[in-house]
């Protein structure tokens, strides 16, 4: 009986194993995860769960009974320490498990502040896992002083939740503006104004020189010389693909575990999907950090492990919830050279459309699900929207789909 082992029990690993069963694969499946909990959703961690609006049970992707019913061996709280491609085994401490095919869905890990900058002080948190957020939550009492290091989506989502809880929040971003790596200035401006309106102190073009405190954080010294009193800090300066296992096993790595368009790595019988995997996409190599990619790429890899030959060619989409604003993104905006703004309701509803050499690339839609839907559909069909229609807030966007 063939045996598939999936290393990494996050969204991608759970999606891959479920797809294998639903598509008719009847061999052995073992899903291995380091965290001692059922596979769960990560996006709500910095939204509803941190706010206290979502109970733990709703985070779980599937109930425990699902894995037993589907004959999926779920091993949680277990760390794979090595992969031996020659013998087709994985090592779990003193135990070895054999596989016919192996999928790496190891995800990513947060980048941390070094110890020399105060990164190991008590009260300094990253927010990647359930355990991280559970450790952070008790420090976000009304009146506490929170420093968020990094103005990306994770940091800003934590800032929004904290501000709603009555916490005094300061966000520092070393780049010239928040969201600089992932969004146009127009989107950054909109999100910045949103945070300022909720009392968040947003400081751009400034970083953290060091966090201070005697065992526990009590302050911060910024690169412009400013000093802050701080009770708790969140470090959100990006994530890195988790590739250590792959590298040690001799699997090729290039901004993640390098795969082809079908999810195959450089080592026969080993596949990869999700945050940890980079793949060819329309002439470039990309690695996507999103729920959409974790699910869709994992399902494509599952199909290919089962014998199909399905290229993975997605229209990426993302989202972020901050206060009462829902930002929905379709497409990839890399290399854009033109932005068309559509301000449907100033301060409330807007969308920003990205073009590169006249070709439509992506859309950021804020509280505008129609703009998001139209933009995503146009990306799927290869259409380019009319700029005059986009910039006129009274125009009918859906008419462009006809």
Protein backbone atom coordinates (compact mmCIF):
# COMPACT_ATOMS: atom_id res chain seq x y z
CA UNK A 1 0.00 0.00 0.00
CA UNK A 2 1.59 3.34 -1.03
CA UNK A 3 2.29 5.81 1.78
CA UNK A 4 2.18 9.61 1.56
CA UNK A 5 3.65 11.71 4.35
CA UNK A 6 2.87 15.42 4.63
CA UNK A 7 5.19 17.48 6.82
CA UNK A 8 3.48 20.61 8.13
CA UNK A 9 -0.07 20.60 9.49
CA UNK A 10 -1.16 24.12 8.62
CA UNK A 11 -3.65 25.25 5.98
CA UNK A 12 -1.65 23.77 3.10
CA UNK A 13 -1.01 20.40 4.75
CA UNK A 14 -4.61 20.01 5.87
CA UNK A 15 -5.90 20.99 2.42
CA UNK A 16 -3.53 18.60 0.65
CA UNK A 17 -4.50 15.57 2.72
CA UNK A 18 -8.22 16.31 2.47
CA UNK A 19 -7.90 16.65 -1.31
CA UNK A 20 -6.06 13.34 -1.60
CA UNK A 21 -8.95 11.54 0.05
CA UNK A 22 -11.73 13.42 -1.76
CA UNK A 23 -10.08 12.66 -5.12
CA UNK A 24 -10.06 8.93 -4.41
CA UNK A 25 -6.53 8.21 -3.18
CA UNK A 26 -6.86 5.18 -0.88
CA UNK A 27 -3.28 4.66 0.26
CA UNK A 28 -1.81 5.62 3.62
CA UNK A 29 -1.67 9.31 4.61
CA UNK A 30 0.20 10.72 7.59
CA UNK A 31 0.01 14.44 8.43
CA UNK A 32 2.69 15.65 10.85
CA UNK A 33 2.63 19.01 12.65
CA UNK A 34 4.88 20.57 15.30
CA UNK A 35 2.09 22.43 17.09
CA UNK A 36 0.15 20.38 19.69
CA UNK A 37 -3.26 21.36 18.28
CA UNK A 38 -5.51 20.47 15.36
CA UNK A 39 -4.77 22.24 12.06
CA UNK A 40 -6.25 25.73 12.27
CA UNK A 41 -6.78 28.97 10.37
CA UNK A 42 -4.10 31.62 10.86
CA UNK A 43 -5.75 34.81 9.48
CA UNK A 44 -8.29 35.14 12.33
CA UNK A 45 -5.47 35.03 14.89
CA UNK A 46 -4.76 38.75 14.42
CA UNK A 47 -8.41 39.62 13.85
CA UNK A 48 -11.40 38.02 15.57
CA UNK A 49 -9.47 35.63 17.80
CA UNK A 50 -7.18 38.30 19.27
CA UNK A 51 -10.17 40.60 19.71
CA UNK A 52 -11.98 37.85 21.60
CA UNK A 53 -14.82 37.50 19.09
CA UNK A 54 -13.86 34.03 17.83
CA UNK A 55 -13.58 30.99 20.13
CA UNK A 56 -10.76 28.50 19.69
CA UNK A 57 -13.05 25.81 18.26
CA UNK A 58 -13.93 28.01 15.30
CA UNK A 59 -10.26 28.30 14.36
CA UNK A 60 -9.97 24.59 13.63
CA UNK A 61 -10.13 23.71 9.94
CA UNK A 62 -11.76 20.33 10.64
CA UNK A 63 -12.92 18.54 13.78
CA UNK A 64 -10.73 15.79 15.19
CA UNK A 65 -13.22 13.21 13.97
CA UNK A 66 -12.60 14.17 10.32
CA UNK A 67 -9.08 12.75 10.30
CA UNK A 68 -10.19 9.45 11.80
CA UNK A 69 -13.13 9.18 9.39
CA UNK A 70 -10.85 9.86 6.41
CA UNK A 71 -8.19 7.44 7.66
CA UNK A 72 -5.61 10.24 7.89
CA UNK A 73 -3.05 9.66 10.63
CA UNK A 74 -2.68 13.07 12.29
CA UNK A 75 0.37 13.45 14.48
CA UNK A 76 0.53 16.78 16.31
CA UNK A 77 3.19 18.08 18.65
CA UNK A 78 5.79 16.12 16.68
CA UNK A 79 8.84 17.53 14.93
CA UNK A 80 10.41 16.00 11.83
CA UNK A 81 14.16 16.32 12.38
CA UNK A 82 15.44 15.03 9.05
CA UNK A 83 14.48 13.69 5.63
CA UNK A 84 16.47 10.88 4.01
CA UNK A 85 15.61 10.88 0.29
CA UNK A 86 17.85 7.87 -0.39
CA UNK A 87 15.86 5.56 1.88
CA UNK A 88 12.63 7.55 1.50
CA UNK A 89 12.21 8.03 5.21
CA UNK A 90 11.58 10.92 7.57
CA UNK A 91 13.15 11.06 11.01
CA UNK A 92 11.17 12.01 14.11
CA UNK A 93 13.70 11.85 16.93
CA UNK A 94 14.40 8.12 17.39
CA UNK A 95 11.64 7.09 14.99
CA UNK A 96 11.72 6.63 11.24
CA UNK A 97 8.72 6.58 8.91
CA UNK A 98 8.88 5.37 5.33
CA UNK A 99 7.16 7.13 2.45
CA UNK A 100 6.52 6.60 -1.24
CA UNK A 101 5.80 10.30 -1.74
CA UNK A 102 6.48 13.21 0.58
CA UNK A 103 4.95 16.72 0.60
CA UNK A 104 6.56 19.65 2.38
CA UNK A 105 4.01 22.16 3.65
CA UNK A 106 6.25 23.57 6.36
CA UNK A 107 5.05 27.15 5.99
CA UNK A 108 7.11 30.08 7.20
CA UNK A 109 8.59 31.59 10.33
CA UNK A 110 8.62 35.19 11.53
CA UNK A 111 11.74 37.30 11.32
CA UNK A 112 12.79 38.34 14.82
CA UNK A 113 14.68 41.19 16.40
CA UNK A 114 18.12 40.02 17.56
CA UNK A 115 18.89 39.61 21.23
CA UNK A 116 21.29 42.57 21.02
CA UNK A 117 18.31 44.78 20.09
CA UNK A 118 16.15 43.50 22.96
CA UNK A 119 14.30 40.93 20.91
CA UNK A 120 14.34 38.31 23.67
CA UNK A 121 12.92 40.51 26.44
CA UNK A 122 9.72 39.31 28.06
CA UNK A 123 6.75 41.12 26.59
CA UNK A 124 8.20 41.10 23.05
CA UNK A 125 6.04 38.96 20.75
CA UNK A 126 5.82 37.67 17.23
CA UNK A 127 2.38 36.73 15.94
CA UNK A 128 2.58 33.68 13.73
CA UNK A 129 1.06 30.87 15.77
CA UNK A 130 -1.83 30.24 18.12
CA UNK A 131 0.66 30.03 20.97
CA UNK A 132 2.09 33.44 20.00
CA UNK A 133 -1.31 35.12 20.08
CA UNK A 134 -2.30 33.42 23.33
CA UNK A 135 0.88 34.80 24.88
CA UNK A 136 0.25 38.30 23.51
CA UNK A 137 -3.44 38.71 24.37
CA UNK A 138 -3.12 39.19 28.16
CA UNK A 139 -0.84 42.19 27.61
CA UNK A 140 -3.40 44.10 25.55
CA UNK A 141 -5.44 45.54 28.41
CA UNK A 142 -6.94 49.01 28.07
CA UNK A 143 -4.33 51.62 28.88
CA UNK A 144 -1.34 49.41 28.04
CA UNK A 145 1.31 50.87 25.74
CA UNK A 146 1.96 48.75 22.65
CA UNK A 147 4.79 49.20 20.19
CA UNK A 148 4.28 47.56 16.79
CA UNK A 149 7.55 47.16 14.90
CA UNK A 150 6.76 46.98 11.19
CA UNK A 151 3.92 48.48 9.20
CA UNK A 152 2.91 45.44 7.18
CA UNK A 153 -0.46 43.73 7.26
CA UNK A 154 0.18 41.62 10.37
CA UNK A 155 1.45 44.55 12.42
CA UNK A 156 -1.37 46.81 11.31
CA UNK A 157 -4.01 44.18 12.07
CA UNK A 158 -2.64 43.81 15.59
CA UNK A 159 -2.56 47.59 15.92
CA UNK A 160 -6.22 47.82 14.90
CA UNK A 161 -7.33 45.18 17.42
CA UNK A 162 -5.27 46.77 20.19
CA UNK A 163 -6.64 50.24 19.48
CA UNK A 164 -10.20 48.87 19.63
CA UNK A 165 -9.36 47.41 23.05
CA UNK A 166 -8.24 50.80 24.35
CA UNK A 167 -4.51 50.18 24.10
CA UNK A 168 -2.17 53.09 23.37
CA UNK A 169 -0.54 52.04 20.08
CA UNK A 170 2.58 53.25 18.27
CA UNK A 171 3.54 51.76 14.89
CA UNK A 172 7.07 52.29 13.60
CA UNK A 173 8.02 51.49 10.01
CA UNK A 174 11.60 51.77 8.78
CA UNK A 175 10.54 52.22 5.15
CA UNK A 176 9.20 55.50 3.86
CA UNK A 177 5.59 54.41 4.33
CA UNK A 178 3.53 51.60 5.77
CA UNK A 179 2.77 48.74 3.35
CA UNK A 180 5.54 49.98 1.06
CA UNK A 181 6.57 46.48 0.00
CA UNK A 182 3.08 45.31 -0.91
CA UNK A 183 0.89 48.28 -1.89
CA UNK A 184 0.79 51.54 -3.81
CA UNK A 185 1.14 54.89 -2.01
CA UNK A 186 -2.59 55.43 -2.48
CA UNK A 187 -3.45 52.32 -0.48
CA UNK A 188 -0.83 53.18 2.15
CA UNK A 189 -2.30 56.67 2.51
CA UNK A 190 -5.80 55.29 2.97
CA UNK A 191 -4.76 52.76 5.61
CA UNK A 192 -2.57 55.30 7.41
CA UNK A 193 -5.47 57.75 7.72
CA UNK A 194 -7.63 54.92 9.03
CA UNK A 195 -5.20 54.24 11.86
CA UNK A 196 -4.65 57.90 12.66
CA UNK A 197 -8.41 58.33 12.96
CA UNK A 198 -8.41 55.62 15.62
CA UNK A 199 -5.67 57.27 17.64
CA UNK A 200 -2.70 55.16 16.51
CA UNK A 201 0.66 56.97 16.40
CA UNK A 202 2.13 55.98 13.00
CA UNK A 203 5.81 56.80 12.52
CA UNK A 204 7.40 56.15 9.14
CA UNK A 205 11.04 56.28 8.00
CA UNK A 206 12.08 55.30 11.52
CA UNK A 207 13.13 51.99 13.01
CA UNK A 208 13.93 50.50 16.38
CA UNK A 209 17.51 50.88 17.53
CA UNK A 210 16.87 48.76 20.59
CA UNK A 211 14.18 47.70 23.03
CA UNK A 212 15.04 48.31 26.66
CA UNK A 213 14.14 46.78 30.00
CA UNK A 214 15.47 44.68 32.87
CA UNK A 215 14.33 41.25 31.77
CA UNK A 216 11.02 42.65 30.58
CA UNK A 217 10.41 45.36 28.01
CA UNK A 218 9.82 48.83 29.43
CA UNK A 219 10.89 51.10 26.61
CA UNK A 220 12.27 51.57 23.13
CA UNK A 221 14.93 53.76 21.54
CA UNK A 222 14.14 54.63 17.92
CA UNK A 223 16.63 55.34 15.16
CA UNK A 224 15.71 59.04 15.20
CA UNK A 225 16.64 59.24 18.87
CA UNK A 226 13.10 59.23 20.22
CA UNK A 227 12.42 57.22 23.37
CA UNK A 228 9.12 55.50 24.11
CA UNK A 229 7.67 53.95 27.25
CA UNK A 230 6.45 50.49 26.25
CA UNK A 231 4.61 47.71 28.09
CA UNK A 232 4.40 45.22 25.24
CA UNK A 233 5.79 44.96 21.70
CA UNK A 234 4.85 43.07 18.57
CA UNK A 235 7.51 42.45 15.94
CA UNK A 236 6.00 42.18 12.47
CA UNK A 237 8.95 42.62 10.14
CA UNK A 238 8.12 39.85 7.71
CA UNK A 239 8.38 36.10 7.45
CA UNK A 240 10.85 33.69 5.87
CA UNK A 241 10.03 30.34 4.25
CA UNK A 242 10.75 27.34 6.46
CA UNK A 243 13.31 25.50 4.35
CA UNK A 244 15.79 24.03 6.85
CA UNK A 245 14.57 20.44 6.42
CA UNK A 246 14.65 20.71 2.65
CA UNK A 247 18.13 22.23 2.54
CA UNK A 248 19.55 19.59 4.87
CA UNK A 249 18.08 16.90 2.59
CA UNK A 250 19.72 18.38 -0.50
CA UNK A 251 16.49 19.75 -1.99
CA UNK A 252 16.99 22.86 -4.10
CA UNK A 253 15.95 26.12 -2.43
CA UNK A 254 15.31 29.47 -4.14
CA UNK A 255 13.28 31.90 -2.04
CA UNK A 256 11.60 28.83 -0.62
CA UNK A 257 11.60 25.20 -1.64
CA UNK A 258 11.99 25.38 -5.41
CA UNK A 259 9.25 23.59 -7.34
CA UNK A 260 8.13 23.32 -10.93
CA UNK A 261 4.65 24.32 -12.10
CA UNK A 262 3.28 21.00 -10.82
CA UNK A 263 4.74 21.25 -7.31
CA UNK A 264 7.63 18.82 -7.81
CA UNK A 265 10.90 19.64 -6.04
CA UNK A 266 14.39 18.82 -7.31
CA UNK A 267 14.27 15.45 -5.53
CA UNK A 268 12.06 12.72 -7.03
CA UNK A 269 9.04 11.83 -4.91
CA UNK A 270 9.14 15.06 -2.90
CA UNK A 271 6.67 17.90 -3.45
CA UNK A 272 6.04 21.28 -1.79
CA UNK A 273 3.16 23.72 -1.43
CA UNK A 274 2.12 26.79 0.52
CA UNK A 275 4.24 29.53 2.12
CA UNK A 276 7.39 27.42 1.94
CA UNK A 277 7.28 26.85 -1.84
CA UNK A 278 8.39 29.00 -4.75
CA UNK A 279 7.08 28.24 -8.23
CA UNK A 280 7.18 29.61 -11.81
CA UNK A 281 4.44 32.12 -12.49
CA UNK A 282 4.02 33.91 -15.82
CA UNK A 283 7.70 34.27 -16.55
CA UNK A 284 8.98 34.86 -13.02
CA UNK A 285 9.46 32.79 -9.86
CA UNK A 286 7.20 33.72 -6.95
CA UNK A 287 6.34 32.61 -3.45
CA UNK A 288 2.90 33.56 -2.20
CA UNK A 289 1.97 34.06 1.45
CA UNK A 290 -1.80 33.69 1.47
CA UNK A 291 -4.64 31.37 2.38
CA UNK A 292 -5.66 31.22 -1.27
CA UNK A 293 -2.26 29.92 -2.28
CA UNK A 294 -2.01 27.51 0.63
CA UNK A 295 -5.32 25.89 -0.36
CA UNK A 296 -5.17 26.04 -4.15
CA UNK A 297 -1.53 25.08 -4.55
CA UNK A 298 -1.87 22.25 -2.03
CA UNK A 299 -4.90 20.89 -3.87
CA UNK A 300 -3.06 21.06 -7.20
CA UNK A 301 -0.11 19.21 -5.68
CA UNK A 302 -2.46 16.58 -4.21
CA UNK A 303 -3.95 16.02 -7.66
CA UNK A 304 -0.48 15.65 -9.15
CA UNK A 305 0.67 13.26 -6.41
CA UNK A 306 -2.37 11.16 -7.32
CA UNK A 307 -1.24 10.98 -10.95
CA UNK A 308 -2.72 14.02 -12.69
CA UNK A 309 -0.64 16.66 -14.46
CA UNK A 310 -2.25 19.96 -13.43
CA UNK A 311 -0.20 23.13 -13.76
CA UNK A 312 -0.70 25.64 -10.98
CA UNK A 313 -1.54 29.02 -12.54
CA UNK A 314 -3.59 31.03 -10.02
CA UNK A 315 -5.07 34.51 -9.86
CA UNK A 316 -3.78 35.34 -6.37
CA UNK A 317 -6.04 37.03 -3.86
CA UNK A 318 -5.55 38.33 -0.34
CA UNK A 319 -7.43 40.25 2.31
CA UNK A 320 -6.93 42.24 5.51
CA UNK A 321 -9.49 43.39 8.09
CA UNK A 322 -8.65 46.56 10.04
CA UNK A 323 -11.35 48.29 12.13
CA UNK A 324 -14.43 48.46 9.90
CA UNK A 325 -12.36 48.36 6.71
CA UNK A 326 -12.01 45.22 4.60
CA UNK A 327 -9.17 45.40 2.13
CA UNK A 328 -9.48 42.82 -0.67
CA UNK A 329 -6.67 42.35 -3.18
CA UNK A 330 -6.68 40.45 -6.46
CA UNK A 331 -3.60 39.91 -8.59
CA UNK A 332 0.08 40.72 -8.10
CA UNK A 333 1.16 44.35 -8.39
CA UNK A 334 4.91 43.83 -8.82
CA UNK A 335 6.43 46.17 -11.40
CA UNK A 336 3.40 48.44 -11.71
CA UNK A 337 3.95 51.84 -13.32
CA UNK A 338 0.45 53.35 -13.17
CA UNK A 339 -2.34 53.58 -10.59
CA UNK A 340 -5.95 54.51 -11.34
CA UNK A 341 -7.92 55.54 -8.25
CA UNK A 342 -11.66 55.07 -7.88
CA UNK A 343 -12.97 56.89 -4.81
CA UNK A 344 -16.55 55.69 -4.50
CA UNK A 345 -17.13 57.21 -1.04
CA UNK A 346 -14.32 59.42 0.31
CA UNK A 347 -12.97 57.98 3.52
CA UNK A 348 -15.21 54.95 3.28
CA UNK A 349 -15.05 53.07 -0.04
CA UNK A 350 -12.29 53.11 -2.64
CA UNK A 351 -10.31 50.97 -5.04
CA UNK A 352 -6.87 51.33 -6.59
CA UNK A 353 -6.11 49.65 -9.91
CA UNK A 354 -2.55 48.69 -10.92
CA UNK A 355 -1.22 48.69 -14.49
CA UNK A 356 2.12 47.81 -16.00
CA UNK A 357 2.87 49.01 -19.53
CA UNK A 358 -0.85 49.34 -20.09
CA UNK A 359 -1.63 45.81 -18.85
CA UNK A 360 -3.91 45.34 -15.85
CA UNK A 361 -2.04 43.73 -12.93
CA UNK A 362 -4.03 43.97 -9.68
CA UNK A 363 -6.66 45.81 -7.66
CA UNK A 364 -6.83 46.89 -4.02
CA UNK A 365 -10.49 47.29 -3.00
CA UNK A 366 -11.40 48.83 0.37
CA UNK A 367 -14.99 48.19 1.48
CA UNK A 368 -15.81 47.70 -2.19
CA UNK A 369 -16.57 44.03 -2.91
CA UNK A 370 -17.90 44.85 -6.37
CA UNK A 371 -14.61 46.43 -7.44
CA UNK A 372 -12.77 43.41 -6.09
CA UNK A 373 -15.07 40.97 -7.87
CA UNK A 374 -14.85 42.82 -11.19
CA UNK A 375 -11.07 43.17 -10.95
CA UNK A 376 -10.58 39.51 -10.09
CA UNK A 377 -12.84 38.42 -12.95
CA UNK A 378 -10.92 40.61 -15.40
CA UNK A 379 -7.64 39.09 -14.28
CA UNK A 380 -9.09 35.61 -14.78
CA UNK A 381 -10.28 36.41 -18.30
CA UNK A 382 -7.28 38.52 -19.33
CA UNK A 383 -9.30 41.70 -19.90
CA UNK A 384 -7.99 45.21 -19.33
CA UNK A 385 -10.45 47.66 -17.74
CA UNK A 386 -11.19 51.06 -19.25
CA UNK A 387 -9.36 53.70 -17.21
CA UNK A 388 -12.07 56.30 -17.78
CA UNK A 389 -14.69 53.92 -16.40
CA UNK A 390 -12.50 53.09 -13.42
CA UNK A 391 -11.86 56.68 -12.42
CA UNK A 392 -15.55 57.68 -12.62
CA UNK A 393 -17.16 56.62 -9.30
CA UNK A 394 -20.62 56.79 -10.90
CA UNK A 395 -19.79 54.35 -13.69
CA UNK A 396 -21.01 50.76 -13.81
CA UNK A 397 -18.00 48.54 -13.22
CA UNK A 398 -19.88 45.33 -13.98
CA UNK A 399 -20.66 46.57 -17.48
CA UNK A 400 -16.98 46.06 -18.34
CA UNK A 401 -17.43 42.30 -17.89
CA UNK A 402 -19.89 42.01 -20.73
